[in-house]
Amino acid sequence: MMQATFTIPIAEFNFELVEKIKNLLNGDIENTEIFISVRSKKPSMLRTETREAYFARLDESIDSIKKGRAVVSFNSLEELESFSKKMTPVHAEDTV
């Protein structure tokens, strides 16, 4: 069984592309199906961050946790919710 994932900008998705995918499958259209999923593009930080920069940031975070810096823990869901409301610029209650 062959599986493949294609990430295609919506502007390039057309009938010609579908035909190319069908040809790629060697005409086995009886036993093959195509699943199409639409999603938003990733946030720009993730698109522009290099692999090296990502791993450097990840290593820095791991080091901070090991040293006990910038670690936040919660004893209940309520504490987490209270903390997250303080971290967001607009509270849900304020917009109602």
PDB file of N, CA and C in Angstrom:
ATOM      1  N   MET A   1       0.835  -1.180   0.000  1.00  0.00           N
ATOM      2  CA  MET A   1       0.000   0.000   0.000  1.00  0.00           C
ATOM      3  C   MET A   1       0.881   1.245   0.000  1.00  0.00           C
ATOM      4  N   MET A   2       0.644   2.110  -0.915  1.00  0.00           N
ATOM      5  CA  MET A   2       1.412   3.351  -1.004  1.00  0.00           C
ATOM      6  C   MET A   2       0.677   4.462  -0.274  1.00  0.00           C
ATOM      7  N   GLN A   3       1.435   5.246   0.504  1.00  0.00           N
ATOM      8  CA  GLN A   3       0.883   6.439   1.149  1.00  0.00           C
ATOM      9  C   GLN A   3       1.785   7.604   0.831  1.00  0.00           C
ATOM     10  N   ALA A   4       1.179   8.755   0.613  1.00  0.00           N
ATOM     11  CA  ALA A   4       1.961   9.958   0.320  1.00  0.00           C
ATOM     12  C   ALA A   4       1.213  11.161   0.865  1.00  0.00           C
ATOM     13  N   THR A   5       1.973  12.175   1.238  1.00  0.00           N
ATOM     14  CA  THR A   5       1.390  13.437   1.672  1.00  0.00           C
ATOM     15  C   THR A   5       1.926  14.526   0.773  1.00  0.00           C
ATOM     16  N   PHE A   6       1.028  15.305   0.209  1.00  0.00           N
ATOM     17  CA  PHE A   6       1.397  16.418  -0.643  1.00  0.00           C
ATOM     18  C   PHE A   6       0.941  17.701   0.035  1.00  0.00           C
ATOM     19  N   THR A   7       1.821  18.661   0.165  1.00  0.00           N
ATOM     20  CA  THR A   7       1.450  19.975   0.671  1.00  0.00           C
ATOM     21  C   THR A   7       1.514  20.930  -0.505  1.00  0.00           C
ATOM     22  N   ILE A   8       0.362  21.462  -0.864  1.00  0.00           N
ATOM     23  CA  ILE A   8       0.247  22.236  -2.094  1.00  0.00           C
ATOM     24  C   ILE A   8      -0.445  23.567  -1.799  1.00  0.00           C
ATOM     25  N   PRO A   9       0.137  24.676  -2.234  1.00  0.00           N
ATOM     26  CA  PRO A   9      -0.565  25.957  -2.088  1.00  0.00           C
ATOM     27  C   PRO A   9      -1.882  25.902  -2.851  1.00  0.00           C
ATOM     28  N   ILE A  10      -2.921  26.475  -2.287  1.00  0.00           N
ATOM     29  CA  ILE A  10      -4.249  26.401  -2.891  1.00  0.00           C
ATOM     30  C   ILE A  10      -4.249  26.956  -4.320  1.00  0.00           C
ATOM     31  N   ALA A  11      -3.389  27.918  -4.594  1.00  0.00           N
ATOM     32  CA  ALA A  11      -3.332  28.502  -5.936  1.00  0.00           C
ATOM     33  C   ALA A  11      -2.866  27.485  -6.977  1.00  0.00           C
ATOM     34  N   GLU A  12      -2.145  26.452  -6.555  1.00  0.00           N
ATOM     35  CA  GLU A  12      -1.639  25.444  -7.483  1.00  0.00           C
ATOM     36  C   GLU A  12      -2.530  24.206  -7.575  1.00  0.00           C
ATOM     37  N   PHE A  13      -3.580  24.170  -6.760  1.00  0.00           N
ATOM     38  CA  PHE A  13      -4.466  23.007  -6.768  1.00  0.00           C
ATOM     39  C   PHE A  13      -5.453  23.161  -7.917  1.00  0.00           C
ATOM     40  N   ASN A  14      -5.325  22.274  -8.920  1.00  0.00           N
ATOM     41  CA  ASN A  14      -6.197  22.350 -10.090  1.00  0.00           C
ATOM     42  C   ASN A  14      -6.391  20.958 -10.685  1.00  0.00           C
ATOM     43  N   PHE A  15      -7.178  20.890 -11.745  1.00  0.00           N
ATOM     44  CA  PHE A  15      -7.477  19.622 -12.396  1.00  0.00           C
ATOM     45  C   PHE A  15      -6.216  18.931 -12.904  1.00  0.00           C
ATOM     46  N   GLU A  16      -5.282  19.705 -13.444  1.00  0.00           N
ATOM     47  CA  GLU A  16      -4.036  19.139 -13.966  1.00  0.00           C
ATOM     48  C   GLU A  16      -3.257  18.429 -12.859  1.00  0.00           C
ATOM     49  N   LEU A  17      -3.224  19.021 -11.674  1.00  0.00           N
ATOM     50  CA  LEU A  17      -2.532  18.402 -10.551  1.00  0.00           C
ATOM     51  C   LEU A  17      -3.191  17.083 -10.151  1.00  0.00           C
ATOM     52  N   VAL A  18      -4.515  17.057 -10.136  1.00  0.00           N
ATOM     53  CA  VAL A  18      -5.233  15.819  -9.803  1.00  0.00           C
ATOM     54  C   VAL A  18      -4.889  14.731 -10.811  1.00  0.00           C
ATOM     55  N   GLU A  19      -4.824  15.085 -12.057  1.00  0.00           N
ATOM     56  CA  GLU A  19      -4.462  14.109 -13.093  1.00  0.00           C
ATOM     57  C   GLU A  19      -3.037  13.599 -12.899  1.00  0.00           C
ATOM     58  N   LYS A  20      -2.122  14.474 -12.520  1.00  0.00           N
ATOM     59  CA  LYS A  20      -0.743  14.052 -12.268  1.00  0.00           C
ATOM     60  C   LYS A  20      -0.680  13.071 -11.097  1.00  0.00           C
ATOM     61  N   ILE A  21      -1.469  13.328 -10.072  1.00  0.00           N
ATOM     62  CA  ILE A  21      -1.499  12.409  -8.921  1.00  0.00           C
ATOM     63  C   ILE A  21      -2.073  11.063  -9.348  1.00  0.00           C
ATOM     64  N   LYS A  22      -3.124  11.070 -10.149  1.00  0.00           N
ATOM     65  CA  LYS A  22      -3.691   9.811 -10.642  1.00  0.00           C
ATOM     66  C   LYS A  22      -2.667   9.030 -11.449  1.00  0.00           C
ATOM     67  N   ASN A  23      -1.898   9.725 -12.278  1.00  0.00           N
ATOM     68  CA  ASN A  23      -0.863   9.059 -13.070  1.00  0.00           C
ATOM     69  C   ASN A  23       0.232   8.505 -12.181  1.00  0.00           C
ATOM     70  N   LEU A  24       0.562   9.227 -11.121  1.00  0.00           N
ATOM     71  CA  LEU A  24       1.574   8.773 -10.172  1.00  0.00           C
ATOM     72  C   LEU A  24       1.165   7.445  -9.534  1.00  0.00           C
ATOM     73  N   LEU A  25      -0.121   7.259  -9.349  1.00  0.00           N
ATOM     74  CA  LEU A  25      -0.632   6.038  -8.730  1.00  0.00           C
ATOM     75  C   LEU A  25      -0.721   4.884  -9.724  1.00  0.00           C
ATOM     76  N   ASN A  26      -0.173   5.059 -10.873  1.00  0.00           N
ATOM     77  CA  ASN A  26      -0.109   4.011 -11.904  1.00  0.00           C
ATOM     78  C   ASN A  26      -1.475   3.498 -12.320  1.00  0.00           C
ATOM     79  N   GLY A  27      -2.458   4.363 -12.274  1.00  0.00           N
ATOM     80  CA  GLY A  27      -3.776   3.990 -12.754  1.00  0.00           C
ATOM     81  C   GLY A  27      -4.545   3.024 -11.878  1.00  0.00           C
ATOM     82  N   ASP A  28      -4.066   2.712 -10.689  1.00  0.00           N
ATOM     83  CA  ASP A  28      -4.765   1.790  -9.793  1.00  0.00           C
ATOM     84  C   ASP A  28      -5.875   2.533  -9.049  1.00  0.00           C
ATOM     85  N   ILE A  29      -6.847   3.046  -9.802  1.00  0.00           N
ATOM     86  CA  ILE A  29      -7.892   3.861  -9.189  1.00  0.00           C
ATOM     87  C   ILE A  29      -8.971   3.032  -8.497  1.00  0.00           C
ATOM     88  N   GLU A  30      -9.006   1.746  -8.757  1.00  0.00           N
ATOM     89  CA  GLU A  30      -9.997   0.878  -8.119  1.00  0.00           C
ATOM     90  C   GLU A  30      -9.688   0.654  -6.634  1.00  0.00           C
ATOM     91  N   ASN A  31      -8.404   0.590  -6.283  1.00  0.00           N
ATOM     92  CA  ASN A  31      -8.005   0.266  -4.913  1.00  0.00           C
ATOM     93  C   ASN A  31      -7.329   1.438  -4.195  1.00  0.00           C
ATOM     94  N   THR A  32      -7.547   2.637  -4.696  1.00  0.00           N
ATOM     95  CA  THR A  32      -6.868   3.792  -4.130  1.00  0.00           C
ATOM     96  C   THR A  32      -7.875   4.895  -3.867  1.00  0.00           C
ATOM     97  N   GLU A  33      -7.625   5.653  -2.803  1.00  0.00           N
ATOM     98  CA  GLU A  33      -8.463   6.805  -2.527  1.00  0.00           C
ATOM     99  C   GLU A  33      -7.574   7.995  -2.187  1.00  0.00           C
ATOM    100  N   ILE A  34      -8.110   9.174  -2.383  1.00  0.00           N
ATOM    101  CA  ILE A  34      -7.394  10.405  -2.069  1.00  0.00           C
ATOM    102  C   ILE A  34      -8.162  11.123  -0.976  1.00  0.00           C
ATOM    103  N   PHE A  35      -7.448  11.560   0.039  1.00  0.00           N
ATOM    104  CA  PHE A  35      -8.018  12.308   1.149  1.00  0.00           C
ATOM    105  C   PHE A  35      -7.478  13.736   1.051  1.00  0.00           C
ATOM    106  N   ILE A  36      -8.367  14.714   0.998  1.00  0.00           N
ATOM    107  CA  ILE A  36      -7.954  16.112   0.880  1.00  0.00           C
ATOM    108  C   ILE A  36      -8.267  16.824   2.186  1.00  0.00           C
ATOM    109  N   SER A  37      -7.268  17.507   2.717  1.00  0.00           N
ATOM    110  CA  SER A  37      -7.417  18.266   3.953  1.00  0.00           C
ATOM    111  C   SER A  37      -6.961  19.693   3.700  1.00  0.00           C
ATOM    112  N   VAL A  38      -7.721  20.651   4.203  1.00  0.00           N
ATOM    113  CA  VAL A  38      -7.370  22.051   4.028  1.00  0.00           C
ATOM    114  C   VAL A  38      -7.009  22.617   5.391  1.00  0.00           C
ATOM    115  N   ARG A  39      -5.904  23.379   5.455  1.00  0.00           N
ATOM    116  CA  ARG A  39      -5.480  23.985   6.721  1.00  0.00           C
ATOM    117  C   ARG A  39      -4.861  25.341   6.445  1.00  0.00           C
ATOM    118  N   SER A  40      -4.792  26.133   7.488  1.00  0.00           N
ATOM    119  CA  SER A  40      -4.137  27.433   7.385  1.00  0.00           C
ATOM    120  C   SER A  40      -2.634  27.226   7.366  1.00  0.00           C
ATOM    121  N   LYS A  41      -1.937  28.186   6.805  1.00  0.00           N
ATOM    122  CA  LYS A  41      -0.484  28.116   6.818  1.00  0.00           C
ATOM    123  C   LYS A  41       0.015  28.242   8.245  1.00  0.00           C
ATOM    124  N   LYS A  42       1.199  27.720   8.495  1.00  0.00           N
ATOM    125  CA  LYS A  42       1.804  27.800   9.816  1.00  0.00           C
ATOM    126  C   LYS A  42       2.127  29.254  10.146  1.00  0.00           C
ATOM    127  N   PRO A  43       2.169  29.577  11.431  1.00  0.00           N
ATOM    128  CA  PRO A  43       2.576  30.940  11.807  1.00  0.00           C
ATOM    129  C   PRO A  43       3.956  31.265  11.226  1.00  0.00           C
ATOM    130  N   SER A  44       4.167  32.524  10.923  1.00  0.00           N
ATOM    131  CA  SER A  44       5.394  32.925  10.226  1.00  0.00           C
ATOM    132  C   SER A  44       6.656  32.549  10.980  1.00  0.00           C
ATOM    133  N   MET A  45       6.634  32.559  12.325  1.00  0.00           N
ATOM    134  CA  MET A  45       7.834  32.207  13.083  1.00  0.00           C
ATOM    135  C   MET A  45       8.275  30.784  12.753  1.00  0.00           C
ATOM    136  N   LEU A  46       7.328  29.882  12.630  1.00  0.00           N
ATOM    137  CA  LEU A  46       7.675  28.501  12.343  1.00  0.00           C
ATOM    138  C   LEU A  46       8.159  28.336  10.909  1.00  0.00           C
ATOM    139  N   ARG A  47       7.682  29.145  10.009  1.00  0.00           N
ATOM    140  CA  ARG A  47       8.106  29.035   8.618  1.00  0.00           C
ATOM    141  C   ARG A  47       9.508  29.590   8.412  1.00  0.00           C
ATOM    142  N   THR A  48       9.882  30.627   9.167  1.00  0.00           N
ATOM    143  CA  THR A  48      11.159  31.283   8.905  1.00  0.00           C
ATOM    144  C   THR A  48      12.277  30.813   9.827  1.00  0.00           C
ATOM    145  N   GLU A  49      11.936  30.137  10.909  1.00  0.00           N
ATOM    146  CA  GLU A  49      12.954  29.697  11.852  1.00  0.00           C
ATOM    147  C   GLU A  49      13.743  28.536  11.260  1.00  0.00           C
ATOM    148  N   THR A  50      15.056  28.647  11.288  1.00  0.00           N
ATOM    149  CA  THR A  50      15.883  27.570  10.758  1.00  0.00           C
ATOM    150  C   THR A  50      15.869  26.388  11.716  1.00  0.00           C
ATOM    151  N   ARG A  51      16.255  25.251  11.222  1.00  0.00           N
ATOM    152  CA  ARG A  51      16.342  24.048  12.051  1.00  0.00           C
ATOM    153  C   ARG A  51      17.301  24.274  13.219  1.00  0.00           C
ATOM    154  N   GLU A  52      18.428  24.912  12.921  1.00  0.00           N
ATOM    155  CA  GLU A  52      19.427  25.176  13.955  1.00  0.00           C
ATOM    156  C   GLU A  52      18.877  26.109  15.030  1.00  0.00           C
ATOM    157  N   ALA A  53      18.167  27.157  14.601  1.00  0.00           N
ATOM    158  CA  ALA A  53      17.591  28.108  15.560  1.00  0.00           C
ATOM    159  C   ALA A  53      16.529  27.431  16.420  1.00  0.00           C
ATOM    160  N   TYR A  54      15.723  26.576  15.799  1.00  0.00           N
ATOM    161  CA  TYR A  54      14.692  25.860  16.543  1.00  0.00           C
ATOM    162  C   TYR A  54      15.319  24.984  17.625  1.00  0.00           C
ATOM    163  N   PHE A  55      16.348  24.206  17.259  1.00  0.00           N
ATOM    164  CA  PHE A  55      16.970  23.318  18.234  1.00  0.00           C
ATOM    165  C   PHE A  55      17.737  24.095  19.303  1.00  0.00           C
ATOM    166  N   ALA A  56      18.300  25.229  18.939  1.00  0.00           N
ATOM    167  CA  ALA A  56      18.971  26.070  19.940  1.00  0.00           C
ATOM    168  C   ALA A  56      17.950  26.589  20.950  1.00  0.00           C
ATOM    169  N   ARG A  57      16.792  27.013  20.470  1.00  0.00           N
ATOM    170  CA  ARG A  57      15.726  27.494  21.356  1.00  0.00           C
ATOM    171  C   ARG A  57      15.209  26.357  22.231  1.00  0.00           C
ATOM    172  N   LEU A  58      15.069  25.195  21.661  1.00  0.00           N
ATOM    173  CA  LEU A  58      14.617  24.025  22.406  1.00  0.00           C
ATOM    174  C   LEU A  58      15.627  23.634  23.484  1.00  0.00           C
ATOM    175  N   ASP A  59      16.901  23.623  23.126  1.00  0.00           N
ATOM    176  CA  ASP A  59      17.957  23.310  24.111  1.00  0.00           C
ATOM    177  C   ASP A  59      17.970  24.320  25.251  1.00  0.00           C
ATOM    178  N   GLU A  60      17.775  25.584  24.919  1.00  0.00           N
ATOM    179  CA  GLU A  60      17.732  26.631  25.948  1.00  0.00           C
ATOM    180  C   GLU A  60      16.558  26.411  26.904  1.00  0.00           C
ATOM    181  N   SER A  61      15.424  26.012  26.363  1.00  0.00           N
ATOM    182  CA  SER A  61      14.251  25.732  27.198  1.00  0.00           C
ATOM    183  C   SER A  61      14.506  24.540  28.114  1.00  0.00           C
ATOM    184  N   ILE A  62      15.110  23.501  27.580  1.00  0.00           N
ATOM    185  CA  ILE A  62      15.427  22.309  28.389  1.00  0.00           C
ATOM    186  C   ILE A  62      16.399  22.676  29.501  1.00  0.00           C
ATOM    187  N   ASP A  63      17.408  23.487  29.176  1.00  0.00           N
ATOM    188  CA  ASP A  63      18.382  23.931  30.174  1.00  0.00           C
ATOM    189  C   ASP A  63      17.702  24.747  31.276  1.00  0.00           C
ATOM    190  N   SER A  64      16.774  25.618  30.897  1.00  0.00           N
ATOM    191  CA  SER A  64      16.049  26.421  31.882  1.00  0.00           C
ATOM    192  C   SER A  64      15.238  25.541  32.830  1.00  0.00           C
ATOM    193  N   ILE A  65      14.621  24.514  32.277  1.00  0.00           N
ATOM    194  CA  ILE A  65      13.830  23.605  33.109  1.00  0.00           C
ATOM    195  C   ILE A  65      14.726  22.849  34.073  1.00  0.00           C
ATOM    196  N   LYS A  66      15.862  22.361  33.581  1.00  0.00           N
ATOM    197  CA  LYS A  66      16.795  21.617  34.445  1.00  0.00           C
ATOM    198  C   LYS A  66      17.310  22.485  35.582  1.00  0.00           C
ATOM    199  N   LYS A  67      17.483  23.787  35.322  1.00  0.00           N
ATOM    200  CA  LYS A  67      17.993  24.704  36.341  1.00  0.00           C
ATOM    201  C   LYS A  67      16.879  25.312  37.185  1.00  0.00           C
ATOM    202  N   GLY A  68      15.636  24.957  36.877  1.00  0.00           N
ATOM    203  CA  GLY A  68      14.509  25.461  37.653  1.00  0.00           C
ATOM    204  C   GLY A  68      14.112  26.887  37.325  1.00  0.00           C
ATOM    205  N   ARG A  69      14.614  27.428  36.241  1.00  0.00           N
ATOM    206  CA  ARG A  69      14.241  28.785  35.821  1.00  0.00           C
ATOM    207  C   ARG A  69      13.031  28.728  34.905  1.00  0.00           C
ATOM    208  N   ALA A  70      12.186  29.715  35.056  1.00  0.00           N
ATOM    209  CA  ALA A  70      11.025  29.869  34.172  1.00  0.00           C
ATOM    210  C   ALA A  70      10.137  28.631  34.156  1.00  0.00           C
ATOM    211  N   VAL A  71      10.052  27.967  35.284  1.00  0.00           N
ATOM    212  CA  VAL A  71       9.195  26.792  35.389  1.00  0.00           C
ATOM    213  C   VAL A  71       7.955  27.190  36.175  1.00  0.00           C
ATOM    214  N   VAL A  72       6.807  26.904  35.637  1.00  0.00           N
ATOM    215  CA  VAL A  72       5.547  27.207  36.301  1.00  0.00           C
ATOM    216  C   VAL A  72       4.810  25.895  36.478  1.00  0.00           C
ATOM    217  N   SER A  73       4.338  25.640  37.687  1.00  0.00           N
ATOM    218  CA  SER A  73       3.559  24.422  37.918  1.00  0.00           C
ATOM    219  C   SER A  73       2.234  24.803  38.561  1.00  0.00           C
ATOM    220  N   PHE A  74       1.263  23.937  38.419  1.00  0.00           N
ATOM    221  CA  PHE A  74      -0.083  24.195  38.920  1.00  0.00           C
ATOM    222  C   PHE A  74      -0.560  22.988  39.690  1.00  0.00           C
ATOM    223  N   ASN A  75      -1.322  23.249  40.745  1.00  0.00           N
ATOM    224  CA  ASN A  75      -1.888  22.179  41.557  1.00  0.00           C
ATOM    225  C   ASN A  75      -3.329  21.867  41.185  1.00  0.00           C
ATOM    226  N   SER A  76      -3.897  22.705  40.328  1.00  0.00           N
ATOM    227  CA  SER A  76      -5.282  22.466  39.929  1.00  0.00           C
ATOM    228  C   SER A  76      -5.549  23.126  38.582  1.00  0.00           C
ATOM    229  N   LEU A  77      -6.618  22.708  37.969  1.00  0.00           N
ATOM    230  CA  LEU A  77      -7.035  23.291  36.706  1.00  0.00           C
ATOM    231  C   LEU A  77      -7.398  24.762  36.897  1.00  0.00           C
ATOM    232  N   GLU A  78      -7.968  25.082  38.030  1.00  0.00           N
ATOM    233  CA  GLU A  78      -8.349  26.463  38.323  1.00  0.00           C
ATOM    234  C   GLU A  78      -7.119  27.376  38.342  1.00  0.00           C
ATOM    235  N   GLU A  79      -6.030  26.896  38.945  1.00  0.00           N
ATOM    236  CA  GLU A  79      -4.795  27.683  38.973  1.00  0.00           C
ATOM    237  C   GLU A  79      -4.279  27.920  37.555  1.00  0.00           C
ATOM    238  N   LEU A  80      -4.326  26.885  36.725  1.00  0.00           N
ATOM    239  CA  LEU A  80      -3.897  27.014  35.336  1.00  0.00           C
ATOM    240  C   LEU A  80      -4.755  28.038  34.602  1.00  0.00           C
ATOM    241  N   GLU A  81      -6.069  27.951  34.760  1.00  0.00           N
ATOM    242  CA  GLU A  81      -6.973  28.882  34.089  1.00  0.00           C
ATOM    243  C   GLU A  81      -6.731  30.313  34.546  1.00  0.00           C
ATOM    244  N   SER A  82      -6.538  30.498  35.847  1.00  0.00           N
ATOM    245  CA  SER A  82      -6.275  31.830  36.384  1.00  0.00           C
ATOM    246  C   SER A  82      -4.982  32.395  35.802  1.00  0.00           C
ATOM    247  N   PHE A  83      -3.951  31.572  35.760  1.00  0.00           N
ATOM    248  CA  PHE A  83      -2.663  31.998  35.211  1.00  0.00           C
ATOM    249  C   PHE A  83      -2.795  32.351  33.733  1.00  0.00           C
ATOM    250  N   SER A  84      -3.487  31.510  32.965  1.00  0.00           N
ATOM    251  CA  SER A  84      -3.599  31.745  31.519  1.00  0.00           C
ATOM    252  C   SER A  84      -4.385  33.020  31.234  1.00  0.00           C
ATOM    253  N   LYS A  85      -5.369  33.354  32.079  1.00  0.00           N
ATOM    254  CA  LYS A  85      -6.114  34.600  31.879  1.00  0.00           C
ATOM    255  C   LYS A  85      -5.215  35.808  32.098  1.00  0.00           C
ATOM    256  N   LYS A  86      -4.280  35.701  33.025  1.00  0.00           N
ATOM    257  CA  LYS A  86      -3.349  36.799  33.276  1.00  0.00           C
ATOM    258  C   LYS A  86      -2.364  36.959  32.117  1.00  0.00           C
ATOM    259  N   MET A  87      -2.115  35.886  31.391  1.00  0.00           N
ATOM    260  CA  MET A  87      -1.130  35.904  30.312  1.00  0.00           C
ATOM    261  C   MET A  87      -1.712  36.388  28.989  1.00  0.00           C
ATOM    262  N   THR A  88      -3.044  36.374  28.842  1.00  0.00           N
ATOM    263  CA  THR A  88      -3.654  36.786  27.590  1.00  0.00           C
ATOM    264  C   THR A  88      -3.982  38.277  27.634  1.00  0.00           C
ATOM    265  N   PRO A  89      -3.786  38.996  26.523  1.00  0.00           N
ATOM    266  CA  PRO A  89      -4.019  40.426  26.522  1.00  0.00           C
ATOM    267  C   PRO A  89      -5.493  40.810  26.680  1.00  0.00           C
ATOM    268  N   VAL A  90      -6.399  39.967  26.189  1.00  0.00           N
ATOM    269  CA  VAL A  90      -7.827  40.261  26.293  1.00  0.00           C
ATOM    270  C   VAL A  90      -8.492  39.073  26.959  1.00  0.00           C
ATOM    271  N   HIS A  91      -9.151  39.320  28.076  1.00  0.00           N
ATOM    272  CA  HIS A  91      -9.849  38.253  28.787  1.00  0.00           C
ATOM    273  C   HIS A  91     -11.192  37.995  28.116  1.00  0.00           C
ATOM    274  N   ALA A  92     -11.609  36.740  28.107  1.00  0.00           N
ATOM    275  CA  ALA A  92     -12.877  36.367  27.462  1.00  0.00           C
ATOM    276  C   ALA A  92     -14.040  37.114  28.103  1.00  0.00           C
ATOM    277  N   GLU A  93     -14.014  37.303  29.437  1.00  0.00           N
ATOM    278  CA  GLU A  93     -15.115  37.980  30.124  1.00  0.00           C
ATOM    279  C   GLU A  93     -15.200  39.449  29.713  1.00  0.00           C
ATOM    280  N   ASP A  94     -14.075  40.048  29.372  1.00  0.00           N
ATOM    281  CA  ASP A  94     -14.044  41.456  29.027  1.00  0.00           C
ATOM    282  C   ASP A  94     -14.654  41.741  27.662  1.00  0.00           C
ATOM    283  N   THR A  95     -14.754  40.725  26.813  1.00  0.00           N
ATOM    284  CA  THR A  95     -15.250  40.939  25.455  1.00  0.00           C
ATOM    285  C   THR A  95     -16.734  40.691  25.335  1.00  0.00           C
ATOM    286  N   VAL A  96     -17.371  40.176  26.388  1.00  0.00           N
ATOM    287  CA  VAL A  96     -18.801  39.847  26.321  1.00  0.00           C
ATOM    288  C   VAL A  96     -19.634  41.065  26.594  1.00  0.00           C
TER     289      VAL A  96
END
